[in-house]
Amino acid sequence: MTRSYQAEEWSSGQRCIVDLRGSRGDGAPARSARRICLYSHDSFGLGHLRRNLAIAQELLRDEGEFSVTLISGSPVLQRWDLPERLDIVALPPVVKVAAETYASHDPSKPYALTRERREALIIKTLRTQRPEFLLVDHAPQGMNGELLAALAMLRADMPETKVVLGLRDILDAPETVRELWRKQGIEDLLLNSYHAVIVYGEKHLFDIAEAYGLGSRLAAKLTYCGHVVAKPDQATGQPLWQNDPATPKKTILVTLGGGADGLFLAQTALEAFVAAARSDCRMMIVTGPLMPQEQQKALRQAAVSAPDIAIIESTTNLVPSLRAADLIIAMAGYNTCSEIIEARKNAIFVPRTAPRVEQLLRARLLAALGLSYVVEPGPELLQRLSLCIKEALDAPPRDEAVWQRFDLNGARRTASCLREICP
């Protein structure tokens, strides 16, 4: 059973409401398992949520070892098929409106009040749970510094709690990360408030200590665990389409992640497919739950005259469709790339290049490893994508040795790292 502790009621009514005070008189949960809290600010897209759920699933694999609470600000958390025995603290969601700038997901509520409620709920959760671990995803300070008060509280009142940062390898252009971390004092924060840093990547592919100019003391805290992805036994189900044996067609799957900034790719892929006039193919475009309704409507109108194009709003389980597709066109978010490689599928990545170049750097890296194609945004994108689709559809399967160049055991190794930090 998944339990949820929440700042606001979920209208879906799909989750059981549990009193944050717990079941013991002193307010602490009555559990013998080691308690761990995962924090994920989740201000944009689905990547943070999916990565944390993969880690939570691994931590919960052996019943009774860990008790896991996910503190998340994802606006789509209530739609997701959550792991059994995972407890949820749902923070009031926010939306990212510019670099390091946020607003309340509910426009009727002032951002200052939303941030205050999030900060208070984080502190209350940690005081109640008194976890052995706090695993922070991606943002050492939390969203707009909302984690700083909690980190200070842990240092003063709960020094036994091990605080660990889980960091995806590529964050942005190295020079941009160096400057931002210098302004925010991130290196000092990591040295003084964090016991360890787990890197969800591989040092030989992207050395963050070198790229981000980290000192030797902080570099000594780094552990590279490989890329995090939900394993095959954690995802079952059917693809979003059915094959007609009488008229077999190859399937091109276009996935936009959360979809908030994926319209450019959906439109370009649709136009490229129409221009190619491939009668042996069909295209499925999954817009994502965060694409605005007016953009989805525009895509559906554009696809009306193309019978072999289907527009699908979203799914909480894309993996079966990834495995069934013949070619995948996607942006180059961390989780999307990892899931596609885990599925051993041919892919074309068309990365976004603003406000960060993270996706561009990742797409170039994967193409250099021979794992995928990359078509960078810019002039004549439609023509270049059309040519790449033809090349990718006609290419032979990659050798298994190529896929082995990318380590996808990050979730399992993260759990092992936590065991070693606090045996």
Protein backbone atom coordinates (compact mmCIF):
# COMPACT_ATOMS: atom_id res chain seq x y z
CA MET A 1 0.00 0.00 0.00
CA THR A 2 1.27 3.48 -0.87
CA ARG A 3 0.57 6.12 1.72
CA SER A 4 0.60 9.86 1.21
CA TYR A 5 1.22 12.75 3.52
CA GLN A 6 0.16 15.88 1.76
CA ALA A 7 0.04 19.61 1.92
CA GLU A 8 -3.10 19.66 -0.23
CA GLU A 9 -5.77 17.07 -0.97
CA TRP A 10 -5.40 15.15 -4.21
CA SER A 11 -8.67 15.48 -6.08
CA SER A 12 -8.31 12.04 -7.64
CA GLY A 13 -8.89 10.33 -4.31
CA GLN A 14 -6.63 7.50 -5.41
CA ARG A 15 -4.33 7.62 -2.39
CA CYS A 16 -4.91 6.94 1.27
CA ILE A 17 -4.37 9.93 3.55
CA VAL A 18 -2.06 9.13 6.49
CA ASP A 19 -1.47 11.33 9.51
CA LEU A 20 2.06 12.76 9.34
CA ARG A 21 2.45 12.28 13.10
CA GLY A 22 2.89 8.52 12.66
CA SER A 23 1.69 5.78 14.99
CA ARG A 24 3.92 6.14 18.07
CA GLY A 25 3.34 8.54 20.90
CA ASP A 26 6.63 10.34 20.28
CA GLY A 27 5.61 11.11 16.70
CA ALA A 28 8.16 8.78 15.05
CA PRO A 29 6.98 6.05 12.67
CA ALA A 30 6.75 2.61 14.28
CA ARG A 31 9.14 0.78 11.97
CA SER A 32 12.17 -1.43 12.35
CA ALA A 33 13.40 -0.83 8.78
CA ARG A 34 15.98 1.85 8.14
CA ARG A 35 14.18 5.04 7.18
CA ILE A 36 15.17 7.01 4.11
CA CYS A 37 13.63 10.18 2.69
CA LEU A 38 14.05 11.07 -0.98
CA TYR A 39 13.66 14.76 -1.82
CA SER A 40 12.85 15.87 -5.36
CA HIS A 41 11.80 19.44 -6.12
CA ASP A 42 10.17 18.47 -9.48
CA SER A 43 9.58 21.90 -10.96
CA PHE A 44 9.80 20.87 -14.63
CA GLY A 45 9.26 17.71 -16.64
CA LEU A 46 9.10 14.11 -15.44
CA GLY A 47 12.77 13.17 -15.15
CA HIS A 48 13.23 13.77 -11.42
CA LEU A 49 10.08 11.81 -10.57
CA ARG A 50 10.95 8.84 -12.78
CA ARG A 51 14.53 8.68 -11.50
CA ASN A 52 13.43 8.77 -7.86
CA LEU A 53 10.77 6.11 -8.42
CA ALA A 54 13.37 3.80 -9.98
CA ILE A 55 15.62 4.30 -6.94
CA ALA A 56 12.71 3.85 -4.52
CA GLN A 57 11.71 0.61 -6.23
CA GLU A 58 15.23 -0.73 -5.79
CA LEU A 59 15.39 0.32 -2.14
CA LEU A 60 12.05 -1.39 -1.48
CA ARG A 61 12.99 -4.59 -3.28
CA ASP A 62 13.89 -6.40 -0.04
CA GLU A 63 10.88 -5.96 2.21
CA GLY A 64 11.77 -4.76 5.68
CA GLU A 65 15.23 -3.37 4.85
CA PHE A 66 14.27 0.21 4.04
CA SER A 67 11.24 2.35 4.76
CA VAL A 68 11.08 4.96 1.98
CA THR A 69 9.30 8.32 1.89
CA LEU A 70 9.38 10.40 -1.29
CA ILE A 71 9.05 14.17 -0.79
CA SER A 72 8.06 15.42 -4.23
CA GLY A 73 6.69 18.55 -5.85
CA SER A 74 5.63 16.81 -9.08
CA PRO A 75 2.30 18.14 -10.39
CA VAL A 76 1.50 14.73 -11.93
CA LEU A 77 2.43 12.54 -8.97
CA GLN A 78 -1.17 11.49 -8.36
CA ARG A 79 -1.40 10.01 -11.88
CA TRP A 80 1.58 7.72 -11.47
CA ASP A 81 1.61 4.01 -10.69
CA LEU A 82 3.68 4.24 -7.51
CA PRO A 83 5.71 1.38 -6.00
CA GLU A 84 4.14 -0.64 -3.23
CA ARG A 85 5.09 0.45 0.31
CA LEU A 86 6.32 3.86 -0.86
CA ASP A 87 5.15 6.74 1.34
CA ILE A 88 4.53 10.10 -0.33
CA VAL A 89 4.79 13.67 0.90
CA ALA A 90 3.31 15.82 -1.86
CA LEU A 91 4.66 19.36 -1.84
CA PRO A 92 2.54 22.16 -3.36
CA PRO A 93 3.77 22.16 -6.98
CA VAL A 94 5.53 25.03 -8.69
CA VAL A 95 6.37 25.77 -12.31
CA LYS A 96 9.66 27.04 -13.68
CA VAL A 97 9.17 30.28 -15.61
CA ALA A 98 12.86 31.13 -16.19
CA ALA A 99 16.31 30.06 -15.00
CA GLU A 100 16.15 29.87 -11.17
CA THR A 101 12.72 31.57 -11.27
CA TYR A 102 9.49 29.84 -10.22
CA ALA A 103 5.78 30.46 -9.75
CA SER A 104 3.00 28.55 -8.02
CA HIS A 105 1.40 25.86 -10.14
CA ASP A 106 -1.93 27.25 -8.95
CA PRO A 107 -1.90 30.87 -10.22
CA SER A 108 -4.35 31.92 -7.51
CA LYS A 109 -1.74 31.26 -4.79
CA PRO A 110 1.22 33.58 -4.18
CA TYR A 111 4.58 31.98 -4.82
CA ALA A 112 5.98 33.20 -1.50
CA LEU A 113 3.23 31.35 0.37
CA THR A 114 3.74 28.19 -1.70
CA ARG A 115 7.47 28.21 -1.04
CA GLU A 116 6.89 28.77 2.68
CA ARG A 117 4.51 25.81 2.84
CA ARG A 118 6.94 23.58 0.97
CA GLU A 119 9.81 24.49 3.27
CA ALA A 120 7.70 23.91 6.39
CA LEU A 121 6.44 20.55 5.16
CA ILE A 122 9.98 19.36 4.37
CA ILE A 123 11.15 20.24 7.89
CA LYS A 124 8.07 18.68 9.48
CA THR A 125 8.54 15.47 7.52
CA LEU A 126 12.20 15.14 8.52
CA ARG A 127 11.46 15.86 12.17
CA THR A 128 8.71 13.24 12.16
CA GLN A 129 10.51 10.57 10.17
CA ARG A 130 13.99 11.12 11.68
CA PRO A 131 15.49 9.24 8.72
CA GLU A 132 18.84 7.51 8.65
CA PHE A 133 19.29 9.00 5.16
CA LEU A 134 18.12 12.01 3.21
CA LEU A 135 18.80 11.53 -0.52
CA VAL A 136 18.48 14.87 -2.32
CA ASP A 137 17.90 14.79 -6.07
CA HIS A 138 19.81 17.22 -8.29
CA ALA A 139 19.40 20.51 -6.35
CA PRO A 140 21.76 20.81 -3.33
CA GLN A 141 19.88 23.85 -2.00
CA GLY A 142 16.47 22.63 -3.06
CA MET A 143 14.15 24.70 -5.22
CA ASN A 144 15.10 28.36 -4.62
CA GLY A 145 16.93 27.38 -1.44
CA GLU A 146 13.91 25.72 0.17
CA LEU A 147 16.13 22.95 1.58
CA LEU A 148 18.64 25.18 3.37
CA ALA A 149 16.64 25.48 6.60
CA ALA A 150 16.12 21.71 6.69
CA LEU A 151 19.84 21.07 6.18
CA ALA A 152 20.69 23.46 9.01
CA MET A 153 18.14 21.71 11.22
CA LEU A 154 19.66 18.33 10.45
CA ARG A 155 23.17 19.53 11.29
CA ALA A 156 22.01 20.98 14.61
CA ASP A 157 19.34 18.52 15.78
CA MET A 158 19.82 15.28 13.84
CA PRO A 159 23.53 14.92 13.03
CA GLU A 160 23.06 11.15 12.82
CA THR A 161 21.08 11.57 9.58
CA LYS A 162 23.33 10.98 6.58
CA VAL A 163 22.64 13.55 3.85
CA VAL A 164 23.51 12.43 0.32
CA LEU A 165 23.20 14.30 -2.98
CA GLY A 166 22.17 12.29 -6.04
CA LEU A 167 23.44 14.17 -9.08
CA ARG A 168 22.91 13.40 -12.73
CA ASP A 169 26.21 13.77 -14.54
CA ILE A 170 25.51 16.47 -17.14
CA LEU A 171 23.85 19.56 -15.66
CA ASP A 172 24.69 22.27 -18.19
CA ALA A 173 27.71 23.70 -19.94
CA PRO A 174 30.63 23.26 -17.49
CA GLU A 175 31.42 26.98 -17.44
CA THR A 176 27.77 27.77 -16.61
CA VAL A 177 27.69 25.27 -13.75
CA ARG A 178 31.00 26.57 -12.35
CA GLU A 179 29.74 30.14 -12.30
CA LEU A 180 26.35 29.27 -10.79
CA TRP A 181 27.87 27.06 -8.10
CA ARG A 182 30.39 29.80 -7.27
CA LYS A 183 27.63 32.37 -6.83
CA GLN A 184 25.51 30.01 -4.72
CA GLY A 185 28.37 28.64 -2.63
CA ILE A 186 27.48 25.08 -3.61
CA GLU A 187 30.92 23.57 -2.99
CA ASP A 188 30.96 24.82 0.62
CA LEU A 189 27.40 23.57 1.10
CA LEU A 190 28.34 20.11 -0.16
CA LEU A 191 31.41 20.00 2.08
CA ASN A 192 29.57 21.13 5.21
CA SER A 193 26.06 19.66 4.84
CA TYR A 194 26.46 16.51 2.72
CA HIS A 195 28.14 13.28 3.69
CA ALA A 196 28.47 11.98 0.12
CA VAL A 197 27.61 12.72 -3.50
CA ILE A 198 26.34 9.92 -5.73
CA VAL A 199 26.78 10.66 -9.43
CA TYR A 200 24.22 9.00 -11.70
CA GLY A 201 26.71 8.51 -14.49
CA GLU A 202 30.17 7.19 -15.40
CA LYS A 203 33.41 9.02 -14.71
CA HIS A 204 35.08 7.99 -17.97
CA LEU A 205 32.15 9.44 -19.92
CA PHE A 206 31.73 12.66 -17.95
CA ASP A 207 34.04 13.55 -15.06
CA ILE A 208 32.07 16.11 -13.04
CA ALA A 209 34.99 16.94 -10.74
CA GLU A 210 37.03 18.03 -13.74
CA ALA A 211 34.12 19.57 -15.66
CA TYR A 212 32.79 21.61 -12.75
CA GLY A 213 36.15 22.44 -11.18
CA LEU A 214 35.57 20.68 -7.87
CA GLY A 215 38.31 20.72 -5.26
CA SER A 216 40.03 17.57 -4.05
CA ARG A 217 38.05 17.41 -0.76
CA LEU A 218 34.73 17.40 -2.61
CA ALA A 219 36.01 15.11 -5.37
CA ALA A 220 36.78 12.55 -2.65
CA LYS A 221 33.09 12.49 -1.73
CA LEU A 222 32.01 11.47 -5.24
CA THR A 223 30.84 7.95 -6.11
CA TYR A 224 29.86 7.14 -9.70
CA CYS A 225 27.01 4.61 -9.73
CA GLY A 226 26.07 4.38 -13.40
CA HIS A 227 22.89 5.64 -15.01
CA VAL A 228 19.58 5.19 -13.21
CA VAL A 229 16.72 3.52 -15.05
CA ALA A 230 13.81 1.32 -14.04
CA LYS A 231 14.72 -2.29 -14.79
CA PRO A 232 12.57 -4.53 -17.05
CA ASP A 233 10.97 -6.37 -14.14
CA GLN A 234 9.68 -3.02 -12.85
CA ALA A 235 7.67 -2.20 -15.97
CA THR A 236 5.06 -4.44 -17.60
CA GLY A 237 2.10 -3.78 -19.86
CA GLN A 238 1.14 -3.35 -23.50
CA PRO A 239 2.28 -0.76 -26.05
CA LEU A 240 -0.01 2.13 -26.96
CA TRP A 241 -0.92 0.57 -30.30
CA GLN A 242 -2.00 -2.75 -31.76
CA ASN A 243 -0.39 -4.38 -34.77
CA ASP A 244 -2.52 -5.49 -37.68
CA PRO A 245 -1.01 -8.72 -39.07
CA ALA A 246 -2.73 -8.11 -42.37
CA THR A 247 -0.99 -4.75 -42.94
CA PRO A 248 2.25 -4.75 -40.92
CA LYS A 249 3.89 -1.36 -40.50
CA LYS A 250 7.00 -0.11 -38.76
CA THR A 251 6.23 2.16 -35.82
CA ILE A 252 8.00 5.46 -35.23
CA LEU A 253 7.41 6.57 -31.66
CA VAL A 254 7.84 10.26 -30.84
CA THR A 255 8.05 10.95 -27.12
CA LEU A 256 8.26 14.45 -25.66
CA GLY A 257 8.84 13.61 -21.99
CA GLY A 258 6.67 15.90 -19.89
CA GLY A 259 5.80 17.79 -23.05
CA ALA A 260 5.91 21.34 -21.70
CA ASP A 261 8.57 22.34 -24.23
CA GLY A 262 8.22 19.60 -26.83
CA LEU A 263 5.96 21.22 -29.41
CA PHE A 264 8.82 22.09 -31.77
CA LEU A 265 9.88 18.43 -31.97
CA ALA A 266 6.35 17.10 -32.39
CA GLN A 267 5.60 19.50 -35.23
CA THR A 268 8.89 18.84 -37.00
CA ALA A 269 8.59 15.04 -36.66
CA LEU A 270 5.03 15.14 -37.97
CA GLU A 271 6.02 17.23 -40.99
CA ALA A 272 9.04 15.02 -41.68
CA PHE A 273 6.86 11.91 -41.62
CA VAL A 274 4.30 13.43 -44.00
CA ALA A 275 7.05 14.56 -46.38
CA ALA A 276 8.65 11.10 -46.37
CA ALA A 277 5.35 9.49 -47.49
CA ARG A 278 6.41 6.09 -46.12
CA SER A 279 3.51 3.72 -46.62
CA ASP A 280 5.34 1.05 -44.61
CA CYS A 281 5.39 3.17 -41.42
CA ARG A 282 3.14 4.83 -38.90
CA MET A 283 3.91 7.46 -36.29
CA MET A 284 2.74 7.66 -32.68
CA ILE A 285 3.29 10.99 -30.93
CA VAL A 286 3.04 10.96 -27.12
CA THR A 287 2.71 14.61 -26.14
CA GLY A 288 3.21 14.23 -22.38
CA PRO A 289 0.96 15.33 -19.50
CA LEU A 290 2.45 18.83 -19.25
CA MET A 291 1.84 19.97 -22.84
CA PRO A 292 -0.77 22.77 -22.88
CA GLN A 293 -4.15 21.78 -24.26
CA GLU A 294 -4.05 24.35 -27.07
CA GLN A 295 -0.78 22.85 -28.33
CA GLN A 296 -2.22 19.34 -28.24
CA LYS A 297 -5.22 20.58 -30.18
CA ALA A 298 -2.98 22.12 -32.83
CA LEU A 299 -1.11 18.83 -33.23
CA ARG A 300 -4.31 16.86 -33.62
CA GLN A 301 -5.50 19.25 -36.30
CA ALA A 302 -2.20 18.92 -38.15
CA ALA A 303 -2.50 15.11 -38.05
CA VAL A 304 -6.07 14.96 -39.37
CA SER A 305 -4.99 14.56 -42.99
CA ALA A 306 -2.40 11.88 -42.14
CA PRO A 307 -4.13 8.57 -41.32
CA ASP A 308 -0.92 6.90 -40.16
CA ILE A 309 -0.24 9.47 -37.41
CA ALA A 310 -1.81 9.15 -33.95
CA ILE A 311 -1.60 11.74 -31.18
CA ILE A 312 -1.61 10.26 -27.66
CA GLU A 313 -1.81 12.65 -24.71
CA SER A 314 0.25 10.77 -22.14
CA THR A 315 0.98 7.50 -20.39
CA THR A 316 2.47 6.62 -17.03
CA ASN A 317 4.10 3.52 -18.51
CA LEU A 318 5.92 4.27 -21.75
CA VAL A 319 8.42 1.41 -21.49
CA PRO A 320 6.32 -1.25 -23.31
CA SER A 321 5.89 1.19 -26.21
CA LEU A 322 9.63 1.94 -26.27
CA ARG A 323 10.33 -1.78 -26.56
CA ALA A 324 7.76 -2.29 -29.34
CA ALA A 325 8.82 0.68 -31.50
CA ASP A 326 11.06 0.34 -34.54
CA LEU A 327 12.44 3.88 -34.22
CA ILE A 328 12.16 6.46 -31.46
CA ILE A 329 12.43 10.22 -31.88
CA ALA A 330 12.88 12.11 -28.64
CA MET A 331 14.50 14.99 -26.88
CA ALA A 332 17.57 14.04 -24.87
CA GLY A 333 16.45 14.13 -21.26
CA TYR A 334 18.38 11.94 -18.84
CA ASN A 335 15.61 9.43 -18.17
CA THR A 336 14.37 9.21 -21.74
CA CYS A 337 17.86 8.44 -23.02
CA SER A 338 18.47 5.81 -20.34
CA GLU A 339 15.14 4.09 -20.96
CA ILE A 340 15.69 3.97 -24.71
CA ILE A 341 19.17 2.48 -24.30
CA GLU A 342 17.85 -0.05 -21.77
CA ALA A 343 15.26 -1.09 -24.38
CA ARG A 344 18.07 -1.46 -26.98
CA LYS A 345 16.18 0.70 -29.48
CA ASN A 346 17.24 2.78 -32.45
CA ALA A 347 16.73 6.46 -31.62
CA ILE A 348 17.12 9.95 -33.01
CA PHE A 349 17.63 12.61 -30.37
CA VAL A 350 16.65 16.19 -31.14
CA PRO A 351 17.79 18.01 -27.98
CA ARG A 352 16.55 21.30 -26.69
CA THR A 353 19.34 23.86 -26.41
CA ALA A 354 17.80 26.40 -24.00
CA PRO A 355 17.69 27.42 -21.23
CA ARG A 356 20.42 24.79 -20.70
CA VAL A 357 22.62 22.84 -23.11
CA GLU A 358 22.48 19.67 -20.96
CA GLN A 359 20.46 17.75 -23.57
CA LEU A 360 22.70 18.85 -26.41
CA LEU A 361 25.82 17.62 -24.59
CA ARG A 362 24.17 14.30 -23.74
CA ALA A 363 22.90 13.72 -27.28
CA ARG A 364 26.36 14.39 -28.71
CA LEU A 365 27.93 12.00 -26.20
CA LEU A 366 25.52 9.17 -27.04
CA ALA A 367 26.02 9.68 -30.77
CA ALA A 368 29.80 9.58 -30.29
CA LEU A 369 29.39 6.24 -28.49
CA GLY A 370 27.43 4.90 -31.48
CA LEU A 371 24.27 4.46 -29.41
CA SER A 372 21.98 6.83 -31.30
CA TYR A 373 21.64 9.57 -33.90
CA VAL A 374 21.54 13.27 -33.09
CA VAL A 375 19.88 16.01 -35.13
CA GLU A 376 20.61 19.37 -33.58
CA PRO A 377 18.05 22.18 -33.77
CA GLY A 378 18.88 24.90 -36.26
CA PRO A 379 18.46 25.77 -39.94
CA GLU A 380 16.86 23.12 -42.17
CA LEU A 381 15.89 20.98 -39.18
CA LEU A 382 12.98 19.45 -41.11
CA GLN A 383 15.18 18.33 -44.01
CA ARG A 384 17.93 16.99 -41.76
CA LEU A 385 15.46 15.07 -39.59
CA SER A 386 13.79 13.57 -42.68
CA LEU A 387 17.11 12.26 -43.97
CA CYS A 388 18.04 10.88 -40.55
CA ILE A 389 14.69 9.05 -40.24
CA LYS A 390 15.33 7.29 -43.53
CA GLU A 391 18.88 6.38 -42.52
CA ALA A 392 17.82 5.10 -39.09
CA LEU A 393 14.93 3.00 -40.42
CA ASP A 394 17.19 1.29 -42.94
CA ALA A 395 20.15 0.76 -40.59
CA PRO A 396 21.03 -2.75 -39.32
CA PRO A 397 20.66 -3.52 -35.59
CA ARG A 398 23.53 -2.47 -33.35
CA ASP A 399 25.81 -5.10 -31.90
CA GLU A 400 25.25 -5.90 -28.22
CA ALA A 401 28.78 -4.73 -27.43
CA VAL A 402 27.74 -1.21 -28.45
CA TRP A 403 24.90 -1.15 -25.93
CA GLN A 404 27.26 -2.36 -23.22
CA ARG A 405 29.16 0.92 -23.45
CA PHE A 406 26.51 2.53 -21.25
CA ASP A 407 26.17 1.39 -17.63
CA LEU A 408 22.50 1.22 -16.55
CA ASN A 409 22.92 -0.23 -13.06
CA GLY A 410 22.62 3.09 -11.24
CA ALA A 411 19.55 2.29 -9.13
CA ARG A 412 21.02 -0.94 -7.78
CA ARG A 413 24.40 0.67 -7.06
CA THR A 414 22.76 3.66 -5.38
CA ALA A 415 21.05 1.31 -2.95
CA SER A 416 24.41 -0.42 -2.33
CA CYS A 417 26.10 2.93 -1.71
CA LEU A 418 23.54 3.85 0.91
CA ARG A 419 24.08 0.52 2.65
CA GLU A 420 27.82 1.19 2.77
CA ILE A 421 27.40 4.74 4.07
CA CYS A 422 25.30 3.54 6.98
CA PRO A 423 25.81 -0.23 7.45
